[in-house]
């Protein structure tokens, strides 16, 4: 684990996106990596002296597989955690809409659809749908800045 700033830690070795653990009156996760990343995330949480049950919030930046792949397993490990995601991404995370894959030129353009087939999205409920200007009660109040388009 790498401490980025005080109380904000980068989980080392996750697959896909970066995953952050914030320690502030409990644990807040920012993204969950690809499926299988939950093991490293839980190891990091334990290394900080906490248990998965101490996860209060799971913030999902957007609904690509490398950001939500570990969500279901982490939600199962922390059933009291509040999952938060943008309004535009919540239906994909919950499995109500199909996941989109960014368009890329070949050969990279072949990888996205292959990954979606190999690493199936395991839907999980979103407890709070975020919109631009919402405040998340972490680190003195994180302000949501909605940037639609990537997903």
N, C-alpha and C. Protein backbone atom coordinates (compact mmCIF):
# COMPACT_ATOMS: atom_id res chain seq x y z
N UNK A 1 0.85 -1.17 0.00
CA UNK A 1 0.00 0.00 0.00
C UNK A 1 0.89 1.23 0.00
N UNK A 2 0.39 2.27 -0.65
CA UNK A 2 1.12 3.53 -0.74
C UNK A 2 0.24 4.63 -0.16
N UNK A 3 0.75 5.36 0.82
CA UNK A 3 -0.02 6.49 1.36
C UNK A 3 0.19 7.68 0.43
N UNK A 4 -0.89 8.10 -0.23
CA UNK A 4 -0.84 9.19 -1.21
C UNK A 4 -0.76 10.53 -0.48
N UNK A 5 -1.67 10.73 0.43
CA UNK A 5 -1.68 11.85 1.36
C UNK A 5 -2.14 11.26 2.69
N UNK A 6 -2.01 11.98 3.81
CA UNK A 6 -2.46 11.38 5.07
C UNK A 6 -3.89 10.83 4.98
N UNK A 7 -4.04 9.58 5.38
CA UNK A 7 -5.32 8.87 5.45
C UNK A 7 -5.89 8.45 4.10
N UNK A 8 -5.17 8.63 3.02
CA UNK A 8 -5.60 8.16 1.69
C UNK A 8 -4.51 7.24 1.16
N UNK A 9 -4.90 5.97 0.93
CA UNK A 9 -3.95 4.94 0.57
C UNK A 9 -4.31 4.32 -0.78
N UNK A 10 -3.32 4.15 -1.64
CA UNK A 10 -3.47 3.44 -2.90
C UNK A 10 -3.24 1.96 -2.63
N UNK A 11 -4.17 1.14 -3.06
CA UNK A 11 -4.03 -0.31 -2.91
C UNK A 11 -3.09 -0.79 -4.01
N UNK A 12 -1.98 -1.38 -3.61
CA UNK A 12 -1.00 -1.86 -4.58
C UNK A 12 -1.45 -3.17 -5.22
N UNK A 13 -1.20 -3.30 -6.52
CA UNK A 13 -1.37 -4.56 -7.21
C UNK A 13 -2.78 -4.94 -7.62
N UNK A 14 -3.72 -3.99 -7.63
CA UNK A 14 -5.06 -4.34 -8.10
C UNK A 14 -5.06 -4.40 -9.61
N UNK A 15 -5.97 -5.17 -10.15
CA UNK A 15 -6.11 -5.28 -11.60
C UNK A 15 -7.07 -4.19 -12.08
N UNK A 16 -6.71 -3.56 -13.17
CA UNK A 16 -7.60 -2.54 -13.74
C UNK A 16 -7.29 -1.18 -13.16
N UNK A 17 -8.30 -0.54 -12.64
CA UNK A 17 -8.17 0.83 -12.14
C UNK A 17 -7.42 0.91 -10.82
N UNK A 18 -7.02 2.11 -10.45
CA UNK A 18 -6.50 2.34 -9.11
C UNK A 18 -7.65 2.24 -8.12
N UNK A 19 -7.35 1.74 -6.95
CA UNK A 19 -8.32 1.64 -5.87
C UNK A 19 -7.72 2.35 -4.67
N UNK A 20 -8.53 3.19 -4.03
CA UNK A 20 -8.06 3.96 -2.88
C UNK A 20 -8.85 3.58 -1.64
N UNK A 21 -8.15 3.55 -0.50
CA UNK A 21 -8.76 3.34 0.80
C UNK A 21 -8.57 4.63 1.59
N UNK A 22 -9.67 5.21 2.01
CA UNK A 22 -9.65 6.44 2.82
C UNK A 22 -10.03 6.05 4.24
N UNK A 23 -9.21 6.48 5.20
CA UNK A 23 -9.48 6.23 6.62
C UNK A 23 -9.97 7.55 7.22
N UNK A 24 -11.24 7.58 7.60
CA UNK A 24 -11.84 8.79 8.15
C UNK A 24 -13.09 8.39 8.93
N UNK A 25 -12.91 8.00 10.18
CA UNK A 25 -14.05 7.55 10.98
C UNK A 25 -14.62 6.24 10.46
N UNK A 26 -13.85 5.44 9.84
CA UNK A 26 -14.24 4.21 9.17
C UNK A 26 -13.50 4.16 7.85
N UNK A 27 -13.87 3.24 7.01
CA UNK A 27 -13.20 3.05 5.73
C UNK A 27 -14.12 3.47 4.59
N UNK A 28 -13.55 4.20 3.64
CA UNK A 28 -14.23 4.51 2.38
C UNK A 28 -13.35 3.98 1.26
N UNK A 29 -13.96 3.25 0.34
CA UNK A 29 -13.25 2.77 -0.84
C UNK A 29 -13.63 3.64 -2.03
N UNK A 30 -12.65 3.91 -2.87
CA UNK A 30 -12.92 4.57 -4.14
C UNK A 30 -12.56 3.57 -5.22
N UNK A 31 -13.59 3.02 -5.86
CA UNK A 31 -13.52 1.98 -6.89
C UNK A 31 -13.10 0.65 -6.29
N UNK A 32 -13.28 -0.43 -7.09
CA UNK A 32 -13.03 -1.77 -6.57
C UNK A 32 -12.20 -2.65 -7.50
N UNK A 33 -11.66 -2.08 -8.58
CA UNK A 33 -10.82 -2.86 -9.48
C UNK A 33 -11.58 -3.95 -10.21
N UNK A 34 -10.84 -4.80 -10.91
CA UNK A 34 -11.42 -5.95 -11.60
C UNK A 34 -11.80 -7.00 -10.56
N UNK A 35 -12.64 -7.94 -10.98
CA UNK A 35 -12.97 -9.06 -10.11
C UNK A 35 -11.70 -9.75 -9.66
N UNK A 36 -11.61 -10.09 -8.40
CA UNK A 36 -10.41 -10.68 -7.82
C UNK A 36 -9.58 -9.67 -7.04
N UNK A 37 -9.77 -8.37 -7.33
CA UNK A 37 -9.02 -7.32 -6.63
C UNK A 37 -9.44 -7.20 -5.18
N UNK A 38 -10.61 -7.71 -4.85
CA UNK A 38 -11.12 -7.56 -3.48
C UNK A 38 -10.18 -8.17 -2.45
N UNK A 39 -9.43 -9.21 -2.84
CA UNK A 39 -8.51 -9.84 -1.89
C UNK A 39 -7.41 -8.87 -1.46
N UNK A 40 -6.84 -8.16 -2.42
CA UNK A 40 -5.80 -7.18 -2.11
C UNK A 40 -6.37 -5.99 -1.34
N UNK A 41 -7.59 -5.61 -1.68
CA UNK A 41 -8.24 -4.49 -0.99
C UNK A 41 -8.46 -4.85 0.47
N UNK A 42 -8.98 -6.03 0.73
CA UNK A 42 -9.22 -6.47 2.11
C UNK A 42 -7.89 -6.59 2.87
N UNK A 43 -6.85 -7.09 2.20
CA UNK A 43 -5.54 -7.18 2.83
C UNK A 43 -5.04 -5.79 3.22
N UNK A 44 -5.25 -4.81 2.37
CA UNK A 44 -4.84 -3.43 2.67
C UNK A 44 -5.62 -2.89 3.86
N UNK A 45 -6.92 -3.12 3.86
CA UNK A 45 -7.77 -2.66 4.97
C UNK A 45 -7.29 -3.27 6.28
N UNK A 46 -7.00 -4.56 6.26
CA UNK A 46 -6.52 -5.22 7.47
C UNK A 46 -5.14 -4.70 7.88
N UNK A 47 -4.31 -4.38 6.90
CA UNK A 47 -2.99 -3.82 7.18
C UNK A 47 -3.06 -2.45 7.85
N UNK A 48 -4.18 -1.78 7.67
CA UNK A 48 -4.40 -0.49 8.32
C UNK A 48 -5.06 -0.64 9.70
N UNK A 49 -5.31 -1.90 10.09
CA UNK A 49 -5.90 -2.15 11.41
C UNK A 49 -7.42 -2.19 11.43
N UNK A 50 -8.02 -2.37 10.27
CA UNK A 50 -9.49 -2.41 10.16
C UNK A 50 -9.93 -3.74 9.57
N UNK A 51 -11.23 -3.99 9.61
CA UNK A 51 -11.84 -5.17 9.03
C UNK A 51 -12.78 -4.74 7.90
N UNK A 52 -13.14 -5.63 6.99
CA UNK A 52 -14.10 -5.27 5.95
C UNK A 52 -15.41 -4.71 6.50
N UNK A 53 -15.81 -5.17 7.69
CA UNK A 53 -17.05 -4.65 8.31
C UNK A 53 -16.96 -3.16 8.62
N UNK A 54 -15.73 -2.61 8.64
CA UNK A 54 -15.53 -1.18 8.91
C UNK A 54 -15.72 -0.32 7.67
N UNK A 55 -15.99 -0.94 6.51
CA UNK A 55 -16.22 -0.15 5.30
C UNK A 55 -17.56 0.54 5.44
N UNK A 56 -17.54 1.86 5.40
CA UNK A 56 -18.77 2.67 5.51
C UNK A 56 -19.31 3.03 4.14
N UNK A 57 -18.41 3.39 3.23
CA UNK A 57 -18.82 3.84 1.90
C UNK A 57 -17.96 3.17 0.84
N UNK A 58 -18.61 2.86 -0.28
CA UNK A 58 -17.91 2.41 -1.47
C UNK A 58 -18.33 3.37 -2.58
N UNK A 59 -17.37 4.18 -3.05
CA UNK A 59 -17.64 5.17 -4.09
C UNK A 59 -17.18 4.59 -5.42
N UNK A 60 -18.07 4.58 -6.39
CA UNK A 60 -17.74 4.09 -7.72
C UNK A 60 -17.70 5.29 -8.67
N UNK A 61 -16.55 5.49 -9.31
CA UNK A 61 -16.39 6.66 -10.17
C UNK A 61 -17.15 6.51 -11.48
N UNK A 62 -17.19 5.29 -12.03
CA UNK A 62 -17.98 5.02 -13.23
C UNK A 62 -18.09 3.51 -13.42
N UNK A 63 -18.93 3.12 -14.37
CA UNK A 63 -19.35 1.72 -14.44
C UNK A 63 -18.54 0.83 -15.38
N UNK A 64 -17.29 1.13 -15.60
CA UNK A 64 -16.47 0.21 -16.38
C UNK A 64 -16.02 -0.95 -15.50
N UNK A 65 -15.81 -2.10 -16.13
CA UNK A 65 -15.52 -3.34 -15.43
C UNK A 65 -14.30 -3.23 -14.52
N UNK A 66 -13.30 -2.45 -14.91
CA UNK A 66 -12.10 -2.33 -14.08
C UNK A 66 -12.32 -1.45 -12.85
N UNK A 67 -13.49 -0.86 -12.71
CA UNK A 67 -13.82 -0.04 -11.55
C UNK A 67 -14.86 -0.72 -10.65
N UNK A 68 -15.65 -1.65 -11.21
CA UNK A 68 -16.75 -2.26 -10.45
C UNK A 68 -16.62 -3.77 -10.29
N UNK A 69 -15.58 -4.38 -10.83
CA UNK A 69 -15.46 -5.83 -10.81
C UNK A 69 -15.44 -6.46 -9.42
N UNK A 70 -14.85 -5.78 -8.45
CA UNK A 70 -14.80 -6.32 -7.08
C UNK A 70 -15.94 -5.85 -6.19
N UNK A 71 -16.86 -5.06 -6.74
CA UNK A 71 -17.91 -4.46 -5.92
C UNK A 71 -18.79 -5.49 -5.22
N UNK A 72 -19.29 -6.47 -5.93
CA UNK A 72 -20.22 -7.44 -5.34
C UNK A 72 -19.57 -8.16 -4.15
N UNK A 73 -18.33 -8.61 -4.33
CA UNK A 73 -17.65 -9.33 -3.25
C UNK A 73 -17.39 -8.42 -2.06
N UNK A 74 -17.04 -7.17 -2.31
CA UNK A 74 -16.80 -6.24 -1.21
C UNK A 74 -18.10 -5.87 -0.51
N UNK A 75 -19.15 -5.72 -1.27
CA UNK A 75 -20.46 -5.44 -0.67
C UNK A 75 -20.90 -6.61 0.20
N UNK A 76 -20.64 -7.83 -0.27
CA UNK A 76 -20.97 -9.01 0.53
C UNK A 76 -20.15 -9.05 1.82
N UNK A 77 -18.89 -8.60 1.76
CA UNK A 77 -18.01 -8.59 2.94
C UNK A 77 -18.37 -7.46 3.90
N UNK A 78 -19.03 -6.43 3.37
CA UNK A 78 -19.40 -5.26 4.18
C UNK A 78 -20.85 -4.89 3.89
N UNK A 79 -21.80 -5.70 4.35
CA UNK A 79 -23.20 -5.49 3.98
C UNK A 79 -23.80 -4.17 4.46
N UNK A 80 -23.19 -3.53 5.45
CA UNK A 80 -23.71 -2.25 5.94
C UNK A 80 -23.14 -1.05 5.18
N UNK A 81 -22.19 -1.30 4.27
CA UNK A 81 -21.58 -0.21 3.51
C UNK A 81 -22.62 0.42 2.57
N UNK A 82 -22.50 1.71 2.38
CA UNK A 82 -23.34 2.43 1.44
C UNK A 82 -22.58 2.55 0.12
N UNK A 83 -23.16 2.02 -0.94
CA UNK A 83 -22.56 2.11 -2.27
C UNK A 83 -23.10 3.36 -2.94
N UNK A 84 -22.18 4.18 -3.46
CA UNK A 84 -22.56 5.41 -4.14
C UNK A 84 -21.96 5.43 -5.54
N UNK A 85 -22.77 5.91 -6.49
CA UNK A 85 -22.32 6.03 -7.88
C UNK A 85 -23.16 7.09 -8.57
N UNK A 86 -22.65 7.60 -9.66
CA UNK A 86 -23.37 8.59 -10.43
C UNK A 86 -24.67 8.03 -10.98
N UNK A 87 -25.65 8.93 -11.14
CA UNK A 87 -26.96 8.53 -11.65
C UNK A 87 -26.86 7.79 -12.98
N UNK A 88 -25.99 8.26 -13.86
CA UNK A 88 -25.89 7.67 -15.20
C UNK A 88 -25.28 6.27 -15.19
N UNK A 89 -24.57 5.92 -14.14
CA UNK A 89 -23.89 4.62 -14.08
C UNK A 89 -24.60 3.60 -13.19
N UNK A 90 -25.51 4.05 -12.35
CA UNK A 90 -26.12 3.16 -11.36
C UNK A 90 -26.84 1.97 -11.99
N UNK A 91 -27.58 2.18 -13.07
CA UNK A 91 -28.32 1.07 -13.68
C UNK A 91 -27.39 0.01 -14.26
N UNK A 92 -26.23 0.40 -14.74
CA UNK A 92 -25.26 -0.58 -15.25
C UNK A 92 -24.70 -1.38 -14.08
N UNK A 93 -24.34 -0.69 -13.00
CA UNK A 93 -23.78 -1.35 -11.82
C UNK A 93 -24.79 -2.35 -11.24
N UNK A 94 -26.06 -1.99 -11.27
CA UNK A 94 -27.11 -2.88 -10.74
C UNK A 94 -27.53 -3.96 -11.73
N UNK A 95 -26.97 -3.95 -12.94
CA UNK A 95 -27.30 -4.97 -13.93
C UNK A 95 -28.58 -4.71 -14.70
N UNK A 96 -29.12 -3.51 -14.60
CA UNK A 96 -30.37 -3.16 -15.30
C UNK A 96 -30.12 -2.70 -16.73
N UNK A 97 -28.90 -2.28 -17.02
CA UNK A 97 -28.50 -1.86 -18.37
C UNK A 97 -27.18 -2.55 -18.71
N UNK A 98 -26.92 -2.77 -19.99
CA UNK A 98 -25.66 -3.41 -20.36
C UNK A 98 -24.47 -2.47 -20.19
N UNK A 99 -23.33 -3.06 -19.92
CA UNK A 99 -22.09 -2.30 -19.79
C UNK A 99 -21.60 -1.90 -21.18
N UNK A 100 -21.12 -0.67 -21.31
CA UNK A 100 -20.54 -0.24 -22.57
C UNK A 100 -19.03 -0.41 -22.50
N UNK A 101 -18.43 -0.53 -23.65
CA UNK A 101 -16.99 -0.69 -23.75
C UNK A 101 -16.47 0.49 -24.57
N UNK A 102 -15.44 1.18 -24.07
CA UNK A 102 -14.91 2.31 -24.85
C UNK A 102 -14.44 1.85 -26.23
N UNK A 103 -14.70 2.67 -27.22
CA UNK A 103 -14.26 2.34 -28.58
C UNK A 103 -12.79 2.71 -28.73
N UNK A 104 -12.01 1.74 -29.22
CA UNK A 104 -10.58 1.95 -29.44
C UNK A 104 -10.22 1.36 -30.79
N UNK A 105 -9.13 1.83 -31.33
CA UNK A 105 -8.63 1.26 -32.59
C UNK A 105 -8.06 -0.12 -32.34
N UNK A 106 -8.05 -0.91 -33.40
CA UNK A 106 -7.44 -2.24 -33.32
C UNK A 106 -5.95 -2.10 -33.12
N UNK A 107 -5.28 -2.97 -32.46
CA UNK A 107 -5.76 -4.21 -31.86
C UNK A 107 -6.40 -4.01 -30.48
N UNK A 108 -6.18 -2.83 -29.86
CA UNK A 108 -6.73 -2.61 -28.52
C UNK A 108 -8.25 -2.70 -28.51
N UNK A 109 -8.90 -2.35 -29.62
CA UNK A 109 -10.35 -2.38 -29.70
C UNK A 109 -10.94 -3.77 -29.52
N UNK A 110 -10.14 -4.79 -29.68
CA UNK A 110 -10.61 -6.16 -29.50
C UNK A 110 -10.58 -6.59 -28.02
N UNK A 111 -9.79 -5.89 -27.22
CA UNK A 111 -9.60 -6.29 -25.83
C UNK A 111 -10.83 -6.02 -24.97
N UNK A 112 -11.44 -4.84 -25.12
CA UNK A 112 -12.59 -4.47 -24.28
C UNK A 112 -13.72 -5.47 -24.35
N UNK A 113 -14.24 -5.79 -25.55
CA UNK A 113 -15.33 -6.77 -25.63
C UNK A 113 -14.93 -8.15 -25.09
N UNK A 114 -13.67 -8.52 -25.28
CA UNK A 114 -13.19 -9.80 -24.75
C UNK A 114 -13.20 -9.79 -23.22
N UNK A 115 -12.74 -8.69 -22.62
CA UNK A 115 -12.73 -8.59 -21.15
C UNK A 115 -14.14 -8.66 -20.57
N UNK A 116 -15.10 -8.01 -21.23
CA UNK A 116 -16.48 -8.03 -20.74
C UNK A 116 -17.03 -9.45 -20.77
N UNK A 117 -16.62 -10.24 -21.76
CA UNK A 117 -17.08 -11.64 -21.81
C UNK A 117 -16.38 -12.51 -20.77
N UNK A 118 -15.08 -12.25 -20.55
CA UNK A 118 -14.31 -13.06 -19.60
C UNK A 118 -14.63 -12.71 -18.14
N UNK A 119 -14.75 -11.42 -17.85
CA UNK A 119 -15.01 -10.95 -16.49
C UNK A 119 -16.42 -10.40 -16.44
N UNK A 120 -17.36 -11.25 -16.19
CA UNK A 120 -18.77 -10.84 -16.15
C UNK A 120 -19.02 -9.85 -15.02
N UNK A 121 -19.88 -8.88 -15.30
CA UNK A 121 -20.30 -7.95 -14.26
C UNK A 121 -21.18 -8.70 -13.27
N UNK A 122 -20.84 -8.59 -12.00
CA UNK A 122 -21.67 -9.16 -10.94
C UNK A 122 -22.42 -7.99 -10.32
N UNK A 123 -23.68 -7.81 -10.71
CA UNK A 123 -24.45 -6.64 -10.25
C UNK A 123 -24.50 -6.52 -8.73
N UNK A 124 -24.56 -5.27 -8.29
CA UNK A 124 -24.69 -4.95 -6.86
C UNK A 124 -25.58 -3.73 -6.74
N UNK A 125 -26.33 -3.62 -5.66
CA UNK A 125 -27.20 -2.46 -5.50
C UNK A 125 -26.41 -1.17 -5.25
N UNK A 126 -26.93 -0.09 -5.78
CA UNK A 126 -26.40 1.25 -5.52
C UNK A 126 -27.37 1.91 -4.55
N UNK A 127 -26.86 2.28 -3.39
CA UNK A 127 -27.71 2.84 -2.34
C UNK A 127 -27.97 4.33 -2.53
N UNK A 128 -27.02 5.02 -3.11
CA UNK A 128 -27.16 6.46 -3.30
C UNK A 128 -26.67 6.84 -4.69
N UNK A 129 -27.57 7.41 -5.47
CA UNK A 129 -27.24 7.87 -6.82
C UNK A 129 -26.81 9.33 -6.73
N UNK A 130 -25.58 9.56 -7.13
CA UNK A 130 -24.97 10.88 -6.98
C UNK A 130 -25.20 11.75 -8.20
N UNK A 131 -25.24 13.06 -7.94
CA UNK A 131 -25.32 14.03 -9.04
C UNK A 131 -24.36 15.17 -8.72
N UNK A 132 -24.07 15.96 -9.72
CA UNK A 132 -23.15 17.08 -9.60
C UNK A 132 -23.53 17.96 -8.40
N UNK A 133 -22.55 18.24 -7.55
CA UNK A 133 -22.79 19.11 -6.40
C UNK A 133 -23.11 18.39 -5.11
N UNK A 134 -23.44 17.10 -5.17
CA UNK A 134 -23.70 16.35 -3.94
C UNK A 134 -22.44 16.34 -3.07
N UNK A 135 -22.65 16.18 -1.77
CA UNK A 135 -21.54 16.13 -0.82
C UNK A 135 -21.47 14.72 -0.23
N UNK A 136 -20.28 14.16 -0.22
CA UNK A 136 -20.03 12.86 0.40
C UNK A 136 -19.34 13.14 1.73
N UNK A 137 -19.87 12.60 2.84
CA UNK A 137 -19.35 12.96 4.16
C UNK A 137 -18.04 12.27 4.53
N UNK A 138 -16.99 12.56 3.76
CA UNK A 138 -15.67 11.98 3.97
C UNK A 138 -14.64 13.10 3.81
N UNK A 139 -13.61 13.07 4.62
CA UNK A 139 -12.52 14.06 4.55
C UNK A 139 -13.04 15.50 4.55
N UNK A 140 -14.00 15.77 5.40
CA UNK A 140 -14.53 17.11 5.52
C UNK A 140 -15.58 17.47 4.48
N UNK A 141 -15.93 16.53 3.62
CA UNK A 141 -16.97 16.75 2.61
C UNK A 141 -16.40 16.77 1.21
N UNK A 142 -16.48 15.65 0.53
CA UNK A 142 -16.07 15.58 -0.87
C UNK A 142 -17.23 16.04 -1.75
N UNK A 143 -16.94 16.94 -2.69
CA UNK A 143 -17.98 17.46 -3.57
C UNK A 143 -17.95 16.65 -4.88
N UNK A 144 -19.09 16.17 -5.28
CA UNK A 144 -19.21 15.39 -6.51
C UNK A 144 -19.14 16.35 -7.70
N UNK A 145 -18.28 16.01 -8.64
CA UNK A 145 -18.19 16.75 -9.90
C UNK A 145 -18.57 15.76 -10.99
N UNK A 146 -19.76 15.94 -11.55
CA UNK A 146 -20.23 15.03 -12.58
C UNK A 146 -19.54 15.31 -13.91
N UNK A 147 -18.93 14.30 -14.48
CA UNK A 147 -18.25 14.41 -15.77
C UNK A 147 -18.75 13.30 -16.68
N UNK A 148 -19.95 13.42 -17.22
CA UNK A 148 -20.49 12.33 -18.04
C UNK A 148 -19.73 12.18 -19.35
N UNK A 149 -19.83 10.99 -19.90
CA UNK A 149 -19.27 10.76 -21.21
C UNK A 149 -18.31 9.59 -21.30
N UNK A 150 -17.46 9.39 -20.30
CA UNK A 150 -16.47 8.31 -20.37
C UNK A 150 -17.15 6.95 -20.41
N UNK A 151 -18.19 6.78 -19.61
CA UNK A 151 -18.88 5.48 -19.60
C UNK A 151 -20.24 5.60 -20.23
